[in-house]
PDB file of all heavy atoms in Angstrom:
ATOM      1  N   PHE A   1      77.526 110.096 109.409  1.00  0.00           N
ATOM      2  CA  PHE A   1      78.470 111.126 109.099  1.00  0.00           C
ATOM      3  C   PHE A   1      79.713 110.568 108.425  1.00  0.00           C
ATOM      4  O   PHE A   1      80.098 109.335 108.617  1.00  0.00           O
ATOM      5  CB  PHE A   1      79.020 111.907 110.402  1.00  0.00           C
ATOM      6  CG  PHE A   1      77.843 112.655 111.095  1.00  0.00           C
ATOM      7  CD1 PHE A   1      77.093 112.033 111.948  1.00  0.00           C
ATOM      8  CD2 PHE A   1      77.702 114.024 110.773  1.00  0.00           C
ATOM      9  CE1 PHE A   1      76.069 112.782 112.593  1.00  0.00           C
ATOM     10  CE2 PHE A   1      76.724 114.688 111.427  1.00  0.00           C
ATOM     11  CZ  PHE A   1      75.897 114.108 112.358  1.00  0.00           C
ATOM     12  N   GLY A   2      80.374 111.260 107.547  1.00  0.00           N
ATOM     13  CA  GLY A   2      81.629 110.931 106.886  1.00  0.00           C
ATOM     14  C   GLY A   2      82.648 111.944 107.070  1.00  0.00           C
ATOM     15  O   GLY A   2      82.359 113.113 107.068  1.00  0.00           O
ATOM     16  N   THR A   3      83.921 111.576 107.113  1.00  0.00           N
ATOM     17  CA  THR A   3      84.988 112.498 107.186  1.00  0.00           C
ATOM     18  C   THR A   3      86.011 112.181 106.080  1.00  0.00           C
ATOM     19  O   THR A   3      86.100 110.992 105.721  1.00  0.00           O
ATOM     20  CB  THR A   3      85.760 112.396 108.574  1.00  0.00           C
ATOM     21  OG1 THR A   3      86.475 111.209 108.728  1.00  0.00           O
ATOM     22  CG2 THR A   3      84.727 112.512 109.735  1.00  0.00           C
ATOM     23  N   GLY A   4      86.768 113.162 105.650  1.00  0.00           N
ATOM     24  CA  GLY A   4      87.599 112.900 104.611  1.00  0.00           C
ATOM     25  C   GLY A   4      88.541 114.115 104.291  1.00  0.00           C
ATOM     26  O   GLY A   4      88.179 115.305 104.674  1.00  0.00           O
ATOM     27  N   ASN A   5      89.540 113.987 103.629  1.00  0.00           N
ATOM     28  CA  ASN A   5      90.429 115.013 103.229  1.00  0.00           C
ATOM     29  C   ASN A   5      90.441 115.548 101.863  1.00  0.00           C
ATOM     30  O   ASN A   5      90.893 116.610 101.488  1.00  0.00           O
ATOM     31  CB  ASN A   5      91.927 114.635 103.562  1.00  0.00           C
ATOM     32  CG  ASN A   5      92.270 114.417 104.995  1.00  0.00           C
ATOM     33  OD1 ASN A   5      92.148 115.394 105.760  1.00  0.00           O
ATOM     34  ND2 ASN A   5      92.613 113.154 105.342  1.00  0.00           N
ATOM     35  N   THR A   6      89.782 114.739 100.964  1.00  0.00           N
ATOM     36  CA  THR A   6      89.743 115.159  99.547  1.00  0.00           C
ATOM     37  C   THR A   6      88.360 115.508  99.027  1.00  0.00           C
ATOM     38  O   THR A   6      88.163 115.653  97.831  1.00  0.00           O
ATOM     39  CB  THR A   6      90.276 114.038  98.657  1.00  0.00           C
ATOM     40  OG1 THR A   6      89.424 112.884  98.658  1.00  0.00           O
ATOM     41  CG2 THR A   6      91.671 113.498  99.247  1.00  0.00           C
ATOM     42  N   VAL A   7      87.337 115.598  99.879  1.00  0.00           N
ATOM     43  CA  VAL A   7      85.979 115.916  99.530  1.00  0.00           C
ATOM     44  C   VAL A   7      85.442 114.964  98.476  1.00  0.00           C
ATOM     45  O   VAL A   7      84.655 115.256  97.549  1.00  0.00           O
ATOM     46  CB  VAL A   7      85.850 117.365  98.949  1.00  0.00           C
ATOM     47  CG1 VAL A   7      84.431 117.844  99.086  1.00  0.00           C
ATOM     48  CG2 VAL A   7      86.824 118.330  99.736  1.00  0.00           C
ATOM     49  N   GLY A   8      85.947 113.708  98.552  1.00  0.00           N
ATOM     50  CA  GLY A   8      85.489 112.662  97.580  1.00  0.00           C
ATOM     51  C   GLY A   8      85.978 112.796  96.152  1.00  0.00           C
ATOM     52  O   GLY A   8      85.565 112.040  95.326  1.00  0.00           O
ATOM     53  N   GLN A   9      86.992 113.630  96.002  1.00  0.00           N
ATOM     54  CA  GLN A   9      87.521 113.909  94.640  1.00  0.00           C
ATOM     55  C   GLN A   9      88.794 113.183  94.335  1.00  0.00           C
ATOM     56  O   GLN A   9      89.322 113.244  93.229  1.00  0.00           O
ATOM     57  CB  GLN A   9      87.845 115.407  94.452  1.00  0.00           C
ATOM     58  CG  GLN A   9      86.574 116.262  94.705  1.00  0.00           C
ATOM     59  CD  GLN A   9      85.408 115.880  93.870  1.00  0.00           C
ATOM     60  OE1 GLN A   9      85.497 115.711  92.646  1.00  0.00           O
ATOM     61  NE2 GLN A   9      84.247 115.752  94.516  1.00  0.00           N
ATOM     62  N   GLY A  10      89.265 112.367  95.305  1.00  0.00           N
ATOM     63  CA  GLY A  10      90.552 111.646  95.093  1.00  0.00           C
ATOM     64  C   GLY A  10      91.723 112.518  95.348  1.00  0.00           C
ATOM     65  O   GLY A  10      91.640 113.683  95.633  1.00  0.00           O
ATOM     66  N   ASP A  11      92.868 111.858  95.312  1.00  0.00           N
ATOM     67  CA  ASP A  11      94.169 112.529  95.705  1.00  0.00           C
ATOM     68  C   ASP A  11      94.979 112.892  94.438  1.00  0.00           C
ATOM     69  O   ASP A  11      95.515 112.099  93.826  1.00  0.00           O
ATOM     70  CB  ASP A  11      95.090 111.557  96.578  1.00  0.00           C
ATOM     71  CG  ASP A  11      96.243 112.173  97.031  1.00  0.00           C
ATOM     72  OD1 ASP A  11      96.393 113.407  97.000  1.00  0.00           O
ATOM     73  OD2 ASP A  11      97.219 111.383  97.380  1.00  0.00           O
ATOM     74  N   GLU A  12      95.004 114.255  94.070  1.00  0.00           N
ATOM     75  CA  GLU A  12      95.637 114.689  92.914  1.00  0.00           C
ATOM     76  C   GLU A  12      97.086 115.168  93.263  1.00  0.00           C
ATOM     77  O   GLU A  12      97.840 115.260  92.276  1.00  0.00           O
ATOM     78  CB  GLU A  12      94.840 115.900  92.361  1.00  0.00           C
ATOM     79  CG  GLU A  12      93.431 115.573  91.886  1.00  0.00           C
ATOM     80  CD  GLU A  12      92.737 116.807  91.333  1.00  0.00           C
ATOM     81  OE1 GLU A  12      93.311 117.895  91.514  1.00  0.00           O
ATOM     82  OE2 GLU A  12      91.728 116.593  90.674  1.00  0.00           O
ATOM     83  N   GLN A  13      97.422 115.314  94.484  1.00  0.00           N
ATOM     84  CA  GLN A  13      98.731 115.869  94.807  1.00  0.00           C
ATOM     85  C   GLN A  13      99.653 114.911  95.613  1.00  0.00           C
ATOM     86  O   GLN A  13     100.702 115.323  96.089  1.00  0.00           O
ATOM     87  CB  GLN A  13      98.571 117.205  95.599  1.00  0.00           C
ATOM     88  CG  GLN A  13      97.814 118.277  94.830  1.00  0.00           C
ATOM     89  CD  GLN A  13      97.473 119.438  95.700  1.00  0.00           C
ATOM     90  OE1 GLN A  13      97.314 119.303  96.933  1.00  0.00           O
ATOM     91  NE2 GLN A  13      97.284 120.546  95.065  1.00  0.00           N
ATOM     92  N   GLY A  14      99.152 113.704  95.812  1.00  0.00           N
ATOM     93  CA  GLY A  14      99.954 112.767  96.478  1.00  0.00           C
ATOM     94  C   GLY A  14     100.045 112.777  98.027  1.00  0.00           C
ATOM     95  O   GLY A  14     100.965 112.171  98.586  1.00  0.00           O
ATOM     96  N   MET A  15      99.244 113.590  98.639  1.00  0.00           N
ATOM     97  CA  MET A  15      99.281 113.690 100.024  1.00  0.00           C
ATOM     98  C   MET A  15      98.468 112.636 100.793  1.00  0.00           C
ATOM     99  O   MET A  15      98.634 112.380 101.894  1.00  0.00           O
ATOM    100  CB  MET A  15      98.774 115.117 100.462  1.00  0.00           C
ATOM    101  CG  MET A  15      99.650 116.215 100.046  1.00  0.00           C
ATOM    102  SD  MET A  15      99.186 117.777 100.879  1.00  0.00           S
ATOM    103  CE  MET A  15      97.509 118.090 100.145  1.00  0.00           C
ATOM    104  N   TYR A  16      97.491 112.150 100.025  1.00  0.00           N
ATOM    105  CA  TYR A  16      96.596 111.057 100.725  1.00  0.00           C
ATOM    106  C   TYR A  16      96.524 109.798  99.792  1.00  0.00           C
ATOM    107  O   TYR A  16      95.478 109.532  99.115  1.00  0.00           O
ATOM    108  CB  TYR A  16      95.133 111.618 100.945  1.00  0.00           C
ATOM    109  CG  TYR A  16      95.312 112.959 101.689  1.00  0.00           C
ATOM    110  CD1 TYR A  16      95.041 114.142 100.999  1.00  0.00           C
ATOM    111  CD2 TYR A  16      95.375 112.945 103.077  1.00  0.00           C
ATOM    112  CE1 TYR A  16      95.083 115.312 101.755  1.00  0.00           C
ATOM    113  CE2 TYR A  16      95.588 114.080 103.773  1.00  0.00           C
ATOM    114  CZ  TYR A  16      95.335 115.292 103.103  1.00  0.00           C
ATOM    115  OH  TYR A  16      95.361 116.491 103.782  1.00  0.00           O
ATOM    116  N   GLN A  17      97.658 109.122  99.740  1.00  0.00           N
ATOM    117  CA  GLN A  17      97.752 107.947  98.851  1.00  0.00           C
ATOM    118  C   GLN A  17      96.716 106.897  99.184  1.00  0.00           C
ATOM    119  O   GLN A  17      96.462 106.535 100.323  1.00  0.00           O
ATOM    120  CB  GLN A  17      99.163 107.315  98.979  1.00  0.00           C
ATOM    121  CG  GLN A  17     100.263 108.175  98.432  1.00  0.00           C
ATOM    122  CD  GLN A  17     100.259 108.112  96.856  1.00  0.00           C
ATOM    123  OE1 GLN A  17      99.667 107.326  96.322  1.00  0.00           O
ATOM    124  NE2 GLN A  17     100.813 109.156  96.371  1.00  0.00           N
ATOM    125  N   GLY A  18      96.030 106.474  98.141  1.00  0.00           N
ATOM    126  CA  GLY A  18      94.902 105.470  98.336  1.00  0.00           C
ATOM    127  C   GLY A  18      93.512 106.053  98.347  1.00  0.00           C
ATOM    128  O   GLY A  18      92.510 105.293  98.249  1.00  0.00           O
ATOM    129  N   ALA A  19      93.441 107.369  98.439  1.00  0.00           N
ATOM    130  CA  ALA A  19      92.064 108.065  98.377  1.00  0.00           C
ATOM    131  C   ALA A  19      91.515 107.765  96.960  1.00  0.00           C
ATOM    132  O   ALA A  19      92.209 108.010  96.001  1.00  0.00           O
ATOM    133  CB  ALA A  19      92.167 109.512  98.791  1.00  0.00           C
ATOM    134  N   ARG A  20      90.215 107.450  96.913  1.00  0.00           N
ATOM    135  CA  ARG A  20      89.538 107.185  95.671  1.00  0.00           C
ATOM    136  C   ARG A  20      88.579 108.336  95.298  1.00  0.00           C
ATOM    137  O   ARG A  20      87.870 108.791  96.159  1.00  0.00           O
ATOM    138  CB  ARG A  20      88.754 105.826  95.730  1.00  0.00           C
ATOM    139  CG  ARG A  20      89.590 104.622  95.944  1.00  0.00           C
ATOM    140  CD  ARG A  20      88.696 103.407  96.023  1.00  0.00           C
ATOM    141  NE  ARG A  20      89.346 102.131  96.041  1.00  0.00           N
ATOM    142  CZ  ARG A  20      89.836 101.587  97.092  1.00  0.00           C
ATOM    143  NH1 ARG A  20      89.588 102.073  98.290  1.00  0.00           N
ATOM    144  NH2 ARG A  20      90.427 100.376  97.055  1.00  0.00           N
ATOM    145  N   PRO A  21      88.468 108.658  94.001  1.00  0.00           N
ATOM    146  CA  PRO A  21      87.402 109.558  93.632  1.00  0.00           C
ATOM    147  C   PRO A  21      86.089 108.821  93.871  1.00  0.00           C
ATOM    148  O   PRO A  21      85.929 107.722  93.359  1.00  0.00           O
ATOM    149  CB  PRO A  21      87.664 109.855  92.179  1.00  0.00           C
ATOM    150  CG  PRO A  21      89.113 109.461  91.942  1.00  0.00           C
ATOM    151  CD  PRO A  21      89.417 108.384  92.934  1.00  0.00           C
ATOM    152  N   GLN A  22      85.170 109.455  94.580  1.00  0.00           N
ATOM    153  CA  GLN A  22      83.871 108.828  94.811  1.00  0.00           C
ATOM    154  C   GLN A  22      82.826 109.236  93.823  1.00  0.00           C
ATOM    155  O   GLN A  22      82.914 110.327  93.222  1.00  0.00           O
ATOM    156  CB  GLN A  22      83.359 109.179  96.320  1.00  0.00           C
ATOM    157  CG  GLN A  22      84.334 108.746  97.351  1.00  0.00           C
ATOM    158  CD  GLN A  22      84.492 107.262  97.493  1.00  0.00           C
ATOM    159  OE1 GLN A  22      83.573 106.410  97.263  1.00  0.00           O
ATOM    160  NE2 GLN A  22      85.720 106.818  97.742  1.00  0.00           N
ATOM    161  N   SER A  23      81.837 108.377  93.490  1.00  0.00           N
ATOM    162  CA  SER A  23      80.803 108.653  92.587  1.00  0.00           C
ATOM    163  C   SER A  23      79.996 109.763  92.975  1.00  0.00           C
ATOM    164  O   SER A  23      79.717 110.048  94.138  1.00  0.00           O
ATOM    165  CB  SER A  23      79.975 107.395  92.257  1.00  0.00           C
ATOM    166  OG  SER A  23      79.118 107.148  93.348  1.00  0.00           O
ATOM    167  N   LEU A  24      79.508 110.585  92.047  1.00  0.00           N
ATOM    168  CA  LEU A  24      78.677 111.681  92.260  1.00  0.00           C
ATOM    169  C   LEU A  24      77.364 111.250  92.879  1.00  0.00           C
ATOM    170  O   LEU A  24      76.779 111.909  93.781  1.00  0.00           O
ATOM    171  CB  LEU A  24      78.340 112.502  91.050  1.00  0.00           C
ATOM    172  CG  LEU A  24      77.557 113.765  91.131  1.00  0.00           C
ATOM    173  CD1 LEU A  24      78.309 114.805  92.055  1.00  0.00           C
ATOM    174  CD2 LEU A  24      77.302 114.460  89.796  1.00  0.00           C
ATOM    175  N   ALA A  25      76.855 110.066  92.559  1.00  0.00           N
ATOM    176  CA  ALA A  25      75.628 109.537  93.126  1.00  0.00           C
ATOM    177  C   ALA A  25      75.772 109.310  94.628  1.00  0.00           C
ATOM    178  O   ALA A  25      74.913 109.575  95.396  1.00  0.00           O
ATOM    179  CB  ALA A  25      75.232 108.266  92.460  1.00  0.00           C
ATOM    180  N   PHE A  26      76.999 108.856  94.994  1.00  0.00           N
ATOM    181  CA  PHE A  26      77.279 108.668  96.426  1.00  0.00           C
ATOM    182  C   PHE A  26      77.427 109.963  97.180  1.00  0.00           C
ATOM    183  O   PHE A  26      76.856 110.153  98.242  1.00  0.00           O
ATOM    184  CB  PHE A  26      78.585 107.776  96.527  1.00  0.00           C
ATOM    185  CG  PHE A  26      78.947 107.454  97.934  1.00  0.00           C
ATOM    186  CD1 PHE A  26      78.159 106.927  98.852  1.00  0.00           C
ATOM    187  CD2 PHE A  26      80.329 107.864  98.312  1.00  0.00           C
ATOM    188  CE1 PHE A  26      78.591 106.650 100.169  1.00  0.00           C
ATOM    189  CE2 PHE A  26      80.714 107.501  99.630  1.00  0.00           C
ATOM    190  CZ  PHE A  26      79.852 106.923 100.471  1.00  0.00           C
ATOM    191  N   LEU A  27      78.153 110.920  96.578  1.00  0.00           N
ATOM    192  CA  LEU A  27      78.345 112.166  97.250  1.00  0.00           C
ATOM    193  C   LEU A  27      77.111 113.033  97.343  1.00  0.00           C
ATOM    194  O   LEU A  27      76.971 113.694  98.397  1.00  0.00           O
ATOM    195  CB  LEU A  27      79.511 112.927  96.494  1.00  0.00           C
ATOM    196  CG  LEU A  27      80.861 112.315  96.477  1.00  0.00           C
ATOM    197  CD1 LEU A  27      81.736 113.211  95.561  1.00  0.00           C
ATOM    198  CD2 LEU A  27      81.461 112.160  97.793  1.00  0.00           C
ATOM    199  N   ASP A  28      76.305 112.915  96.442  1.00  0.00           N
ATOM    200  CA  ASP A  28      74.948 113.707  96.497  1.00  0.00           C
ATOM    201  C   ASP A  28      74.112 113.281  97.554  1.00  0.00           C
ATOM    202  O   ASP A  28      73.187 114.059  97.929  1.00  0.00           O
ATOM    203  CB  ASP A  28      74.231 113.450  95.121  1.00  0.00           C
ATOM    204  CG  ASP A  28      74.718 114.382  94.045  1.00  0.00           C
ATOM    205  OD1 ASP A  28      75.480 115.357  94.460  1.00  0.00           O
ATOM    206  OD2 ASP A  28      74.311 114.194  92.843  1.00  0.00           O
ATOM    207  N   ARG A  29      74.312 112.041  98.107  1.00  0.00           N
ATOM    208  CA  ARG A  29      73.506 111.604  99.183  1.00  0.00           C
ATOM    209  C   ARG A  29      73.882 112.187 100.569  1.00  0.00           C
ATOM    210  O   ARG A  29      73.149 111.955 101.547  1.00  0.00           O
ATOM    211  CB  ARG A  29      73.420 110.061  99.206  1.00  0.00           C
ATOM    212  CG  ARG A  29      72.566 109.527  98.119  1.00  0.00           C
ATOM    213  CD  ARG A  29      72.696 108.059  97.842  1.00  0.00           C
ATOM    214  NE  ARG A  29      71.662 107.464  96.964  1.00  0.00           N
ATOM    215  CZ  ARG A  29      71.711 107.580  95.629  1.00  0.00           C
ATOM    216  NH1 ARG A  29      72.740 108.282  95.069  1.00  0.00           N
ATOM    217  NH2 ARG A  29      70.754 107.015  94.909  1.00  0.00           N
ATOM    218  N   PHE A  30      75.049 112.846 100.597  1.00  0.00           N
ATOM    219  CA  PHE A  30      75.338 113.622 101.763  1.00  0.00           C
ATOM    220  C   PHE A  30      74.757 114.975 101.639  1.00  0.00           C
ATOM    221  O   PHE A  30      75.184 115.828 100.780  1.00  0.00           O
ATOM    222  CB  PHE A  30      76.895 113.667 101.933  1.00  0.00           C
ATOM    223  CG  PHE A  30      77.438 112.378 102.386  1.00  0.00           C
ATOM    224  CD1 PHE A  30      77.881 111.450 101.464  1.00  0.00           C
ATOM    225  CD2 PHE A  30      77.649 112.137 103.753  1.00  0.00           C
ATOM    226  CE1 PHE A  30      78.392 110.288 101.903  1.00  0.00           C
ATOM    227  CE2 PHE A  30      78.185 110.886 104.187  1.00  0.00           C
ATOM    228  CZ  PHE A  30      78.647 109.885 103.238  1.00  0.00           C
ATOM    229  N   THR A  31      73.723 115.357 102.480  1.00  0.00           N
ATOM    230  CA  THR A  31      72.996 116.580 102.295  1.00  0.00           C
ATOM    231  C   THR A  31      73.632 117.838 102.850  1.00  0.00           C
ATOM    232  O   THR A  31      73.403 119.000 102.478  1.00  0.00           O
ATOM    233  CB  THR A  31      71.609 116.418 102.685  1.00  0.00           C
ATOM    234  OG1 THR A  31      71.622 115.991 104.202  1.00  0.00           O
ATOM    235  CG2 THR A  31      70.876 115.323 102.026  1.00  0.00           C
ATOM    236  N   ILE A  32      74.467 117.643 103.912  1.00  0.00           N
ATOM    237  CA  ILE A  32      75.216 118.773 104.577  1.00  0.00           C
ATOM    238  C   ILE A  32      76.663 118.525 104.522  1.00  0.00           C
ATOM    239  O   ILE A  32      77.053 117.481 104.868  1.00  0.00           O
ATOM    240  CB  ILE A  32      74.660 118.946 106.039  1.00  0.00           C
ATOM    241  CG1 ILE A  32      73.177 119.278 105.997  1.00  0.00           C
ATOM    242  CG2 ILE A  32      75.397 120.040 106.681  1.00  0.00           C
ATOM    243  CD1 ILE A  32      72.518 119.276 107.392  1.00  0.00           C
ATOM    244  N   TRP A  33      77.373 119.552 104.073  1.00  0.00           N
ATOM    245  CA  TRP A  33      78.808 119.474 104.067  1.00  0.00           C
ATOM    246  C   TRP A  33      79.436 120.531 104.951  1.00  0.00           C
ATOM    247  O   TRP A  33      78.978 121.675 105.021  1.00  0.00           O
ATOM    248  CB  TRP A  33      79.351 119.674 102.579  1.00  0.00           C
ATOM    249  CG  TRP A  33      79.033 118.505 101.720  1.00  0.00           C
ATOM    250  CD1 TRP A  33      77.753 118.305 101.151  1.00  0.00           C
ATOM    251  CD2 TRP A  33      79.868 117.506 101.149  1.00  0.00           C
ATOM    252  NE1 TRP A  33      77.773 117.182 100.422  1.00  0.00           N
ATOM    253  CE2 TRP A  33      79.112 116.714 100.396  1.00  0.00           C
ATOM    254  CE3 TRP A  33      81.262 117.293 101.270  1.00  0.00           C
ATOM    255  CZ2 TRP A  33      79.602 115.642  99.692  1.00  0.00           C
ATOM    256  CZ3 TRP A  33      81.791 116.266 100.665  1.00  0.00           C
ATOM    257  CH2 TRP A  33      80.970 115.320  99.887  1.00  0.00           C
ATOM    258  N   ALA A  34      80.468 120.305 105.644  1.00  0.00           N
ATOM    259  CA  ALA A  34      81.117 121.305 106.512  1.00  0.00           C
ATOM    260  C   ALA A  34      82.621 121.256 106.456  1.00  0.00           C
ATOM    261  O   ALA A  34      83.167 120.075 106.602  1.00  0.00           O
ATOM    262  CB  ALA A  34      80.605 121.021 107.975  1.00  0.00           C
ATOM    263  N   LYS A  35      83.265 122.306 106.147  1.00  0.00           N
ATOM    264  CA  LYS A  35      84.728 122.308 106.093  1.00  0.00           C
ATOM    265  C   LYS A  35      85.264 122.639 107.443  1.00  0.00           C
ATOM    266  O   LYS A  35      84.871 123.776 108.005  1.00  0.00           O
ATOM    267  CB  LYS A  35      85.183 123.371 105.024  1.00  0.00           C
ATOM    268  CG  LYS A  35      86.640 123.382 104.866  1.00  0.00           C
ATOM    269  CD  LYS A  35      87.109 124.379 103.726  1.00  0.00           C
ATOM    270  CE  LYS A  35      88.560 124.328 103.570  1.00  0.00           C
ATOM    271  NZ  LYS A  35      88.991 125.255 102.431  1.00  0.00           N
ATOM    272  N   VAL A  36      86.077 121.864 108.025  1.00  0.00           N
ATOM    273  CA  VAL A  36      86.676 122.038 109.369  1.00  0.00           C
ATOM    274  C   VAL A  36      87.901 122.802 109.200  1.00  0.00           C
ATOM    275  O   VAL A  36      88.852 122.340 108.565  1.00  0.00           O
ATOM    276  CB  VAL A  36      86.881 120.746 110.077  1.00  0.00           C
ATOM    277  CG1 VAL A  36      87.461 121.030 111.532  1.00  0.00           C
ATOM    278  CG2 VAL A  36      85.505 119.958 110.174  1.00  0.00           C
ATOM    279  N   PRO A  37      88.015 124.002 109.792  1.00  0.00           N
ATOM    280  CA  PRO A  37      89.224 124.830 109.738  1.00  0.00           C
ATOM    281  C   PRO A  37      90.380 124.229 110.556  1.00  0.00           C
ATOM    282  O   PRO A  37      90.127 123.463 111.444  1.00  0.00           O
ATOM    283  CB  PRO A  37      88.838 126.189 110.206  1.00  0.00           C
ATOM    284  CG  PRO A  37      87.724 125.911 111.200  1.00  0.00           C
ATOM    285  CD  PRO A  37      86.990 124.637 110.593  1.00  0.00           C
ATOM    286  N   TYR A  38      91.556 124.735 110.213  1.00  0.00           N
ATOM    287  CA  TYR A  38      92.697 124.300 111.120  1.00  0.00           C
ATOM    288  C   TYR A  38      92.623 124.940 112.403  1.00  0.00           C
ATOM    289  O   TYR A  38      91.925 126.003 112.548  1.00  0.00           O
ATOM    290  CB  TYR A  38      94.025 124.662 110.375  1.00  0.00           C
ATOM    291  CG  TYR A  38      94.380 123.911 109.240  1.00  0.00           C
ATOM    292  CD1 TYR A  38      94.136 124.284 107.833  1.00  0.00           C
ATOM    293  CD2 TYR A  38      94.947 122.579 109.341  1.00  0.00           C
ATOM    294  CE1 TYR A  38      94.361 123.578 106.757  1.00  0.00           C
ATOM    295  CE2 TYR A  38      95.229 121.748 108.238  1.00  0.00           C
ATOM    296  CZ  TYR A  38      94.969 122.334 106.971  1.00  0.00           C
ATOM    297  OH  TYR A  38      95.254 121.573 105.828  1.00  0.00           O
ATOM    298  N   LEU A  39      93.215 124.365 113.383  1.00  0.00           N
ATOM    299  CA  LEU A  39      93.223 124.934 114.750  1.00  0.00           C
ATOM    300  C   LEU A  39      93.817 126.336 114.784  1.00  0.00           C
ATOM    301  O   LEU A  39      94.807 126.620 114.084  1.00  0.00           O
ATOM    302  CB  LEU A  39      94.072 124.038 115.753  1.00  0.00           C
ATOM    303  CG  LEU A  39      93.650 122.612 115.858  1.00  0.00           C
ATOM    304  CD1 LEU A  39      94.527 121.922 116.870  1.00  0.00           C
ATOM    305  CD2 LEU A  39      92.166 122.469 116.358  1.00  0.00           C
ATOM    306  N   ASN A  40      93.223 127.250 115.525  1.00  0.00           N
ATOM    307  CA  ASN A  40      93.768 128.595 115.764  1.00  0.00           C
ATOM    308  C   ASN A  40      94.923 128.582 116.674  1.00  0.00           C
ATOM    309  O   ASN A  40      95.285 127.524 117.321  1.00  0.00           O
ATOM    310  CB  ASN A  40      92.710 129.599 116.083  1.00  0.00           C
ATOM    311  CG  ASN A  40      92.062 129.239 117.502  1.00  0.00           C
ATOM    312  OD1 ASN A  40      92.721 128.802 118.377  1.00  0.00           O
ATOM    313  ND2 ASN A  40      90.762 129.517 117.543  1.00  0.00           N
ATOM    314  N   ASP A  41      95.509 129.723 116.843  1.00  0.00           N
ATOM    315  CA  ASP A  41      96.751 129.806 117.765  1.00  0.00           C
ATOM    316  C   ASP A  41      96.474 129.317 119.162  1.00  0.00           C
ATOM    317  O   ASP A  41      97.263 128.567 119.748  1.00  0.00           O
ATOM    318  CB  ASP A  41      97.311 131.166 117.764  1.00  0.00           C
ATOM    319  CG  ASP A  41      97.983 131.559 116.448  1.00  0.00           C
ATOM    320  OD1 ASP A  41      98.027 130.776 115.461  1.00  0.00           O
ATOM    321  OD2 ASP A  41      98.515 132.750 116.358  1.00  0.00           O
ATOM    322  N   LYS A  42      95.328 129.721 119.718  1.00  0.00           N
ATOM    323  CA  LYS A  42      95.117 129.340 121.179  1.00  0.00           C
ATOM    324  C   LYS A  42      94.792 127.880 121.170  1.00  0.00           C
ATOM    325  O   LYS A  42      95.239 127.206 122.119  1.00  0.00           O
ATOM    326  CB  LYS A  42      93.849 130.119 121.573  1.00  0.00           C
ATOM    327  CG  LYS A  42      93.418 129.844 123.043  1.00  0.00           C
ATOM    328  CD  LYS A  42      92.260 130.598 123.502  1.00  0.00           C
ATOM    329  CE  LYS A  42      91.951 130.319 124.893  1.00  0.00           C
ATOM    330  NZ  LYS A  42      91.950 128.903 125.324  1.00  0.00           N
ATOM    331  N   GLN A  43      94.110 127.310 120.305  1.00  0.00           N
ATOM    332  CA  GLN A  43      93.834 125.909 120.331  1.00  0.00           C
ATOM    333  C   GLN A  43      95.096 125.059 120.226  1.00  0.00           C
ATOM    334  O   GLN A  43      95.300 124.101 120.841  1.00  0.00           O
ATOM    335  CB  GLN A  43      92.864 125.532 119.181  1.00  0.00           C
ATOM    336  CG  GLN A  43      91.465 126.035 119.394  1.00  0.00           C
ATOM    337  CD  GLN A  43      90.555 125.884 118.166  1.00  0.00           C
ATOM    338  OE1 GLN A  43      91.058 125.937 117.019  1.00  0.00           O
ATOM    339  NE2 GLN A  43      89.317 125.644 118.380  1.00  0.00           N
ATOM    340  N   ARG A  44      96.025 125.501 119.274  1.00  0.00           N
ATOM    341  CA  ARG A  44      97.281 124.818 119.110  1.00  0.00           C
ATOM    342  C   ARG A  44      98.184 125.031 120.442  1.00  0.00           C
ATOM    343  O   ARG A  44      98.807 123.980 120.785  1.00  0.00           O
ATOM    344  CB  ARG A  44      98.062 125.290 117.904  1.00  0.00           C
ATOM    345  CG  ARG A  44      97.587 124.747 116.658  1.00  0.00           C
ATOM    346  CD  ARG A  44      98.287 125.332 115.428  1.00  0.00           C
ATOM    347  NE  ARG A  44      97.531 126.531 114.900  1.00  0.00           N
ATOM    348  CZ  ARG A  44      98.198 127.563 114.491  1.00  0.00           C
ATOM    349  NH1 ARG A  44      99.523 127.610 114.310  1.00  0.00           N
ATOM    350  NH2 ARG A  44      97.517 128.681 114.105  1.00  0.00           N
TER     351      ARG A  44
END
């Protein structure tokens, strides 16, 4: 499994300095993608 904040696209807005755009060949080898939502009010 892999986790990340930029979906492998790199940091365009300066929030995750050092994040690199990953190659499409690498990203294509992850077969399932899941977006994790922010915590809801009860969880917070």
